[in-house]
N, C-alpha and C. Protein backbone atom coordinates (compact mmCIF):
# COMPACT_ATOMS: atom_id res chain seq x y z
N MET A 1 0.82 -1.18 0.00
CA MET A 1 0.00 0.00 0.00
C MET A 1 0.88 1.26 0.00
N GLU A 2 1.87 1.23 0.83
CA GLU A 2 2.76 2.39 0.91
C GLU A 2 3.49 2.58 -0.41
N PHE A 3 3.85 1.48 -1.05
CA PHE A 3 4.53 1.53 -2.34
C PHE A 3 3.65 2.23 -3.37
N LEU A 4 2.37 1.85 -3.41
CA LEU A 4 1.45 2.46 -4.38
C LEU A 4 1.30 3.96 -4.13
N SER A 5 1.18 4.33 -2.87
CA SER A 5 1.03 5.75 -2.54
C SER A 5 2.31 6.53 -2.82
N LYS A 6 3.43 5.93 -2.49
CA LYS A 6 4.73 6.61 -2.66
C LYS A 6 4.99 6.96 -4.12
N PHE A 7 4.63 6.06 -5.01
CA PHE A 7 4.91 6.29 -6.43
C PHE A 7 3.68 6.76 -7.22
N GLY A 8 2.60 7.11 -6.52
CA GLY A 8 1.41 7.63 -7.18
C GLY A 8 0.70 6.61 -8.06
N LEU A 9 0.74 5.36 -7.66
CA LEU A 9 0.16 4.29 -8.48
C LEU A 9 -1.21 3.81 -7.98
N SER A 10 -1.74 4.43 -6.96
CA SER A 10 -3.01 3.97 -6.39
C SER A 10 -4.14 4.02 -7.42
N GLY A 11 -4.24 5.11 -8.16
CA GLY A 11 -5.28 5.23 -9.17
C GLY A 11 -5.16 4.19 -10.27
N LEU A 12 -3.93 3.97 -10.72
CA LEU A 12 -3.71 2.95 -11.74
C LEU A 12 -4.04 1.56 -11.23
N PHE A 13 -3.70 1.28 -9.98
CA PHE A 13 -4.00 -0.02 -9.39
C PHE A 13 -5.50 -0.23 -9.27
N ILE A 14 -6.22 0.81 -8.83
CA ILE A 14 -7.68 0.72 -8.74
C ILE A 14 -8.27 0.50 -10.13
N GLY A 15 -7.76 1.21 -11.12
CA GLY A 15 -8.24 1.04 -12.50
C GLY A 15 -8.00 -0.36 -13.02
N PHE A 16 -6.81 -0.89 -12.76
CA PHE A 16 -6.47 -2.25 -13.19
C PHE A 16 -7.37 -3.28 -12.51
N CYS A 17 -7.55 -3.14 -11.21
CA CYS A 17 -8.41 -4.07 -10.47
C CYS A 17 -9.86 -3.94 -10.92
N THR A 18 -10.31 -2.73 -11.24
CA THR A 18 -11.66 -2.53 -11.77
C THR A 18 -11.82 -3.28 -13.09
N PHE A 19 -10.83 -3.17 -13.95
CA PHE A 19 -10.83 -3.90 -15.21
C PHE A 19 -10.94 -5.40 -14.98
N LEU A 20 -10.18 -5.93 -14.02
CA LEU A 20 -10.22 -7.36 -13.72
C LEU A 20 -11.57 -7.78 -13.14
N ILE A 21 -12.11 -6.99 -12.23
CA ILE A 21 -13.40 -7.32 -11.61
C ILE A 21 -14.49 -7.37 -12.67
N ILE A 22 -14.56 -6.35 -13.51
CA ILE A 22 -15.58 -6.32 -14.56
C ILE A 22 -15.36 -7.47 -15.54
N GLY A 23 -14.12 -7.72 -15.88
CA GLY A 23 -13.80 -8.82 -16.79
C GLY A 23 -14.16 -10.18 -16.23
N LEU A 24 -14.02 -10.36 -14.94
CA LEU A 24 -14.37 -11.65 -14.32
C LEU A 24 -15.88 -11.84 -14.22
N PHE A 25 -16.62 -10.75 -14.18
CA PHE A 25 -18.07 -10.88 -14.09
C PHE A 25 -18.71 -11.35 -15.40
N HIS A 26 -18.06 -11.12 -16.53
CA HIS A 26 -18.65 -11.55 -17.80
C HIS A 26 -18.86 -13.06 -17.86
N PRO A 27 -17.84 -13.88 -17.62
CA PRO A 27 -18.09 -15.32 -17.64
C PRO A 27 -19.03 -15.78 -16.52
N VAL A 28 -19.05 -15.06 -15.42
CA VAL A 28 -19.98 -15.39 -14.33
C VAL A 28 -21.42 -15.23 -14.82
N VAL A 29 -21.69 -14.16 -15.56
CA VAL A 29 -23.03 -13.93 -16.11
C VAL A 29 -23.42 -15.06 -17.04
N VAL A 30 -22.52 -15.43 -17.93
CA VAL A 30 -22.81 -16.47 -18.92
C VAL A 30 -23.08 -17.80 -18.23
N LYS A 31 -22.23 -18.18 -17.29
CA LYS A 31 -22.40 -19.46 -16.59
C LYS A 31 -23.62 -19.46 -15.68
N ALA A 32 -23.86 -18.36 -14.99
CA ALA A 32 -25.01 -18.30 -14.08
C ALA A 32 -26.31 -18.43 -14.87
N GLU A 33 -26.41 -17.75 -16.00
CA GLU A 33 -27.62 -17.87 -16.81
C GLU A 33 -27.75 -19.27 -17.40
N TYR A 34 -26.64 -19.86 -17.79
CA TYR A 34 -26.67 -21.20 -18.38
C TYR A 34 -27.20 -22.22 -17.38
N TYR A 35 -26.71 -22.16 -16.16
CA TYR A 35 -27.09 -23.18 -15.17
C TYR A 35 -28.36 -22.85 -14.39
N TRP A 36 -28.60 -21.57 -14.10
CA TRP A 36 -29.72 -21.22 -13.22
C TRP A 36 -30.74 -20.30 -13.86
N GLY A 37 -30.46 -19.76 -15.03
CA GLY A 37 -31.38 -18.82 -15.65
C GLY A 37 -31.41 -17.51 -14.89
N THR A 38 -32.52 -16.80 -15.00
CA THR A 38 -32.61 -15.49 -14.36
C THR A 38 -32.99 -15.58 -12.90
N ARG A 39 -33.32 -16.77 -12.42
CA ARG A 39 -33.76 -16.87 -11.03
C ARG A 39 -32.62 -16.70 -10.01
N CYS A 40 -31.39 -16.54 -10.49
CA CYS A 40 -30.25 -16.33 -9.58
C CYS A 40 -29.94 -14.85 -9.36
N TRP A 41 -30.79 -13.96 -9.86
CA TRP A 41 -30.50 -12.53 -9.76
C TRP A 41 -30.35 -12.06 -8.32
N TRP A 42 -31.09 -12.66 -7.42
CA TRP A 42 -31.07 -12.23 -6.02
C TRP A 42 -29.70 -12.49 -5.36
N ILE A 43 -28.96 -13.47 -5.85
CA ILE A 43 -27.62 -13.73 -5.32
C ILE A 43 -26.73 -12.51 -5.57
N PHE A 44 -26.85 -11.95 -6.76
CA PHE A 44 -26.05 -10.77 -7.10
C PHE A 44 -26.52 -9.54 -6.34
N LEU A 45 -27.80 -9.48 -6.04
CA LEU A 45 -28.31 -8.40 -5.20
C LEU A 45 -27.68 -8.48 -3.81
N LEU A 46 -27.67 -9.68 -3.24
CA LEU A 46 -27.06 -9.86 -1.91
C LEU A 46 -25.56 -9.56 -1.93
N LEU A 47 -24.87 -10.02 -2.98
CA LEU A 47 -23.44 -9.72 -3.10
C LEU A 47 -23.20 -8.21 -3.21
N GLY A 48 -24.05 -7.53 -3.97
CA GLY A 48 -23.92 -6.08 -4.11
C GLY A 48 -24.15 -5.36 -2.80
N LEU A 49 -25.19 -5.77 -2.08
CA LEU A 49 -25.47 -5.13 -0.79
C LEU A 49 -24.35 -5.40 0.21
N ALA A 50 -23.82 -6.62 0.19
CA ALA A 50 -22.69 -6.94 1.07
C ALA A 50 -21.46 -6.11 0.70
N GLY A 51 -21.24 -5.91 -0.60
CA GLY A 51 -20.12 -5.08 -1.05
C GLY A 51 -20.27 -3.63 -0.63
N VAL A 52 -21.50 -3.12 -0.72
CA VAL A 52 -21.76 -1.73 -0.28
C VAL A 52 -21.49 -1.60 1.21
N ALA A 53 -22.03 -2.54 1.99
CA ALA A 53 -21.83 -2.49 3.44
C ALA A 53 -20.35 -2.59 3.80
N ALA A 54 -19.64 -3.51 3.15
CA ALA A 54 -18.21 -3.67 3.43
C ALA A 54 -17.44 -2.42 3.02
N SER A 55 -17.81 -1.83 1.89
CA SER A 55 -17.13 -0.63 1.42
C SER A 55 -17.30 0.53 2.41
N MET A 56 -18.45 0.61 3.00
CA MET A 56 -18.70 1.67 3.99
C MET A 56 -17.99 1.39 5.31
N TYR A 57 -17.73 0.14 5.60
CA TYR A 57 -17.11 -0.25 6.87
C TYR A 57 -15.59 -0.14 6.83
N VAL A 58 -14.99 -0.41 5.67
CA VAL A 58 -13.54 -0.43 5.54
C VAL A 58 -13.00 1.00 5.48
N ASP A 59 -11.96 1.27 6.24
CA ASP A 59 -11.36 2.60 6.29
C ASP A 59 -10.37 2.85 5.16
N ASN A 60 -9.71 1.82 4.69
CA ASN A 60 -8.69 1.96 3.66
C ASN A 60 -9.36 2.34 2.34
N ILE A 61 -8.94 3.46 1.76
CA ILE A 61 -9.58 3.97 0.54
C ILE A 61 -9.40 3.01 -0.63
N LEU A 62 -8.27 2.33 -0.71
CA LEU A 62 -8.02 1.40 -1.80
C LEU A 62 -9.00 0.23 -1.73
N PHE A 63 -9.08 -0.41 -0.58
CA PHE A 63 -9.99 -1.56 -0.43
C PHE A 63 -11.45 -1.12 -0.50
N SER A 64 -11.74 0.04 0.05
CA SER A 64 -13.10 0.56 -0.01
C SER A 64 -13.52 0.79 -1.46
N SER A 65 -12.63 1.34 -2.26
CA SER A 65 -12.92 1.57 -3.69
C SER A 65 -13.16 0.26 -4.41
N LEU A 66 -12.31 -0.72 -4.17
CA LEU A 66 -12.46 -2.01 -4.85
C LEU A 66 -13.73 -2.73 -4.41
N LEU A 67 -14.09 -2.60 -3.15
CA LEU A 67 -15.35 -3.19 -2.70
C LEU A 67 -16.54 -2.49 -3.34
N GLY A 68 -16.44 -1.19 -3.53
CA GLY A 68 -17.50 -0.45 -4.23
C GLY A 68 -17.62 -0.88 -5.68
N VAL A 69 -16.50 -1.08 -6.34
CA VAL A 69 -16.52 -1.57 -7.72
C VAL A 69 -17.15 -2.96 -7.77
N PHE A 70 -16.78 -3.82 -6.83
CA PHE A 70 -17.37 -5.16 -6.77
C PHE A 70 -18.88 -5.07 -6.54
N ALA A 71 -19.30 -4.19 -5.64
CA ALA A 71 -20.72 -4.05 -5.32
C ALA A 71 -21.51 -3.63 -6.55
N PHE A 72 -21.06 -2.60 -7.23
CA PHE A 72 -21.83 -2.11 -8.36
C PHE A 72 -21.69 -3.00 -9.59
N SER A 73 -20.61 -3.75 -9.68
CA SER A 73 -20.52 -4.78 -10.72
C SER A 73 -21.54 -5.88 -10.46
N SER A 74 -21.75 -6.20 -9.20
CA SER A 74 -22.77 -7.19 -8.84
C SER A 74 -24.16 -6.68 -9.21
N PHE A 75 -24.43 -5.41 -8.93
CA PHE A 75 -25.72 -4.84 -9.29
C PHE A 75 -25.91 -4.84 -10.82
N TRP A 76 -24.87 -4.51 -11.54
CA TRP A 76 -24.93 -4.48 -13.00
C TRP A 76 -25.18 -5.89 -13.54
N THR A 77 -24.66 -6.89 -12.86
CA THR A 77 -24.83 -8.28 -13.28
C THR A 77 -26.30 -8.68 -13.29
N ILE A 78 -27.09 -8.11 -12.40
CA ILE A 78 -28.52 -8.41 -12.39
C ILE A 78 -29.12 -8.06 -13.75
N LYS A 79 -28.81 -6.89 -14.25
CA LYS A 79 -29.29 -6.48 -15.57
C LYS A 79 -28.75 -7.40 -16.65
N GLU A 80 -27.48 -7.73 -16.56
CA GLU A 80 -26.84 -8.56 -17.57
C GLU A 80 -27.41 -9.98 -17.60
N ILE A 81 -27.82 -10.52 -16.47
CA ILE A 81 -28.42 -11.86 -16.43
C ILE A 81 -29.66 -11.90 -17.31
N PHE A 82 -30.50 -10.86 -17.20
CA PHE A 82 -31.72 -10.82 -18.00
C PHE A 82 -31.41 -10.57 -19.47
N GLU A 83 -30.39 -9.77 -19.74
CA GLU A 83 -29.99 -9.57 -21.13
C GLU A 83 -29.34 -10.83 -21.71
N GLN A 84 -28.65 -11.58 -20.88
CA GLN A 84 -28.05 -12.83 -21.34
C GLN A 84 -29.14 -13.82 -21.75
N GLU A 85 -30.24 -13.84 -21.02
CA GLU A 85 -31.35 -14.72 -21.39
C GLU A 85 -31.87 -14.34 -22.79
N GLU A 86 -31.92 -13.05 -23.06
CA GLU A 86 -32.35 -12.60 -24.38
C GLU A 86 -31.34 -13.02 -25.46
N ARG A 87 -30.05 -12.95 -25.14
CA ARG A 87 -29.03 -13.38 -26.10
C ARG A 87 -29.14 -14.88 -26.37
N VAL A 88 -29.47 -15.66 -25.35
CA VAL A 88 -29.67 -17.10 -25.53
C VAL A 88 -30.89 -17.34 -26.41
N ARG A 89 -31.95 -16.58 -26.16
CA ARG A 89 -33.17 -16.72 -26.96
C ARG A 89 -32.90 -16.44 -28.44
N LYS A 90 -32.04 -15.46 -28.71
CA LYS A 90 -31.70 -15.11 -30.09
C LYS A 90 -30.74 -16.12 -30.72
N GLY A 91 -30.18 -17.03 -29.91
CA GLY A 91 -29.26 -18.03 -30.43
C GLY A 91 -27.81 -17.61 -30.43
N TRP A 92 -27.51 -16.50 -29.80
CA TRP A 92 -26.13 -16.01 -29.76
C TRP A 92 -25.28 -16.81 -28.78
N PHE A 93 -25.93 -17.42 -27.78
CA PHE A 93 -25.26 -18.26 -26.79
C PHE A 93 -26.03 -19.57 -26.71
N PRO A 94 -25.35 -20.65 -26.34
CA PRO A 94 -26.04 -21.96 -26.32
C PRO A 94 -27.03 -22.08 -25.17
N LYS A 95 -28.10 -22.85 -25.43
CA LYS A 95 -29.06 -23.18 -24.39
C LYS A 95 -28.53 -24.36 -23.60
N ASN A 96 -28.92 -24.42 -22.35
CA ASN A 96 -28.59 -25.57 -21.51
C ASN A 96 -29.63 -26.65 -21.80
N PRO A 97 -29.22 -27.80 -22.32
CA PRO A 97 -30.21 -28.83 -22.67
C PRO A 97 -30.91 -29.44 -21.45
N LYS A 98 -30.38 -29.24 -20.28
CA LYS A 98 -30.98 -29.79 -19.06
C LYS A 98 -32.00 -28.85 -18.45
N ARG A 99 -32.17 -27.65 -19.01
CA ARG A 99 -33.11 -26.67 -18.48
C ARG A 99 -34.30 -26.50 -19.39
N LYS A 100 -35.43 -26.16 -18.82
CA LYS A 100 -36.62 -25.84 -19.60
C LYS A 100 -36.71 -24.32 -19.72
N TYR A 101 -36.85 -23.84 -20.94
CA TYR A 101 -36.94 -22.41 -21.19
C TYR A 101 -38.38 -22.02 -21.44
N ASP A 102 -38.71 -20.79 -21.13
CA ASP A 102 -40.06 -20.27 -21.34
C ASP A 102 -40.29 -19.80 -22.77
N PHE A 103 -39.24 -19.72 -23.55
CA PHE A 103 -39.38 -19.23 -24.93
C PHE A 103 -39.22 -20.33 -25.92
């Protein structure tokens, strides 16, 4: 932490970690919709709320920022889960043969 502050790299580190967090959520959206459909949206709501609470509790600005990014990425995932279902309906992503779809 001191190293990042000393050399002015905190912003770049937060940006890099934000990139990784958002990038990791993409395959999570695809897999979650494939296995559970849209009914798993509440898990991401709980993760987002937990991230918000943790971000408010943590004093360290670096960790607090990353928890905030995680929280709002979780909230964004709720929207993406429903959009992923639409992409599956259009045939852009494969359907899970073990699941029954409404469309």
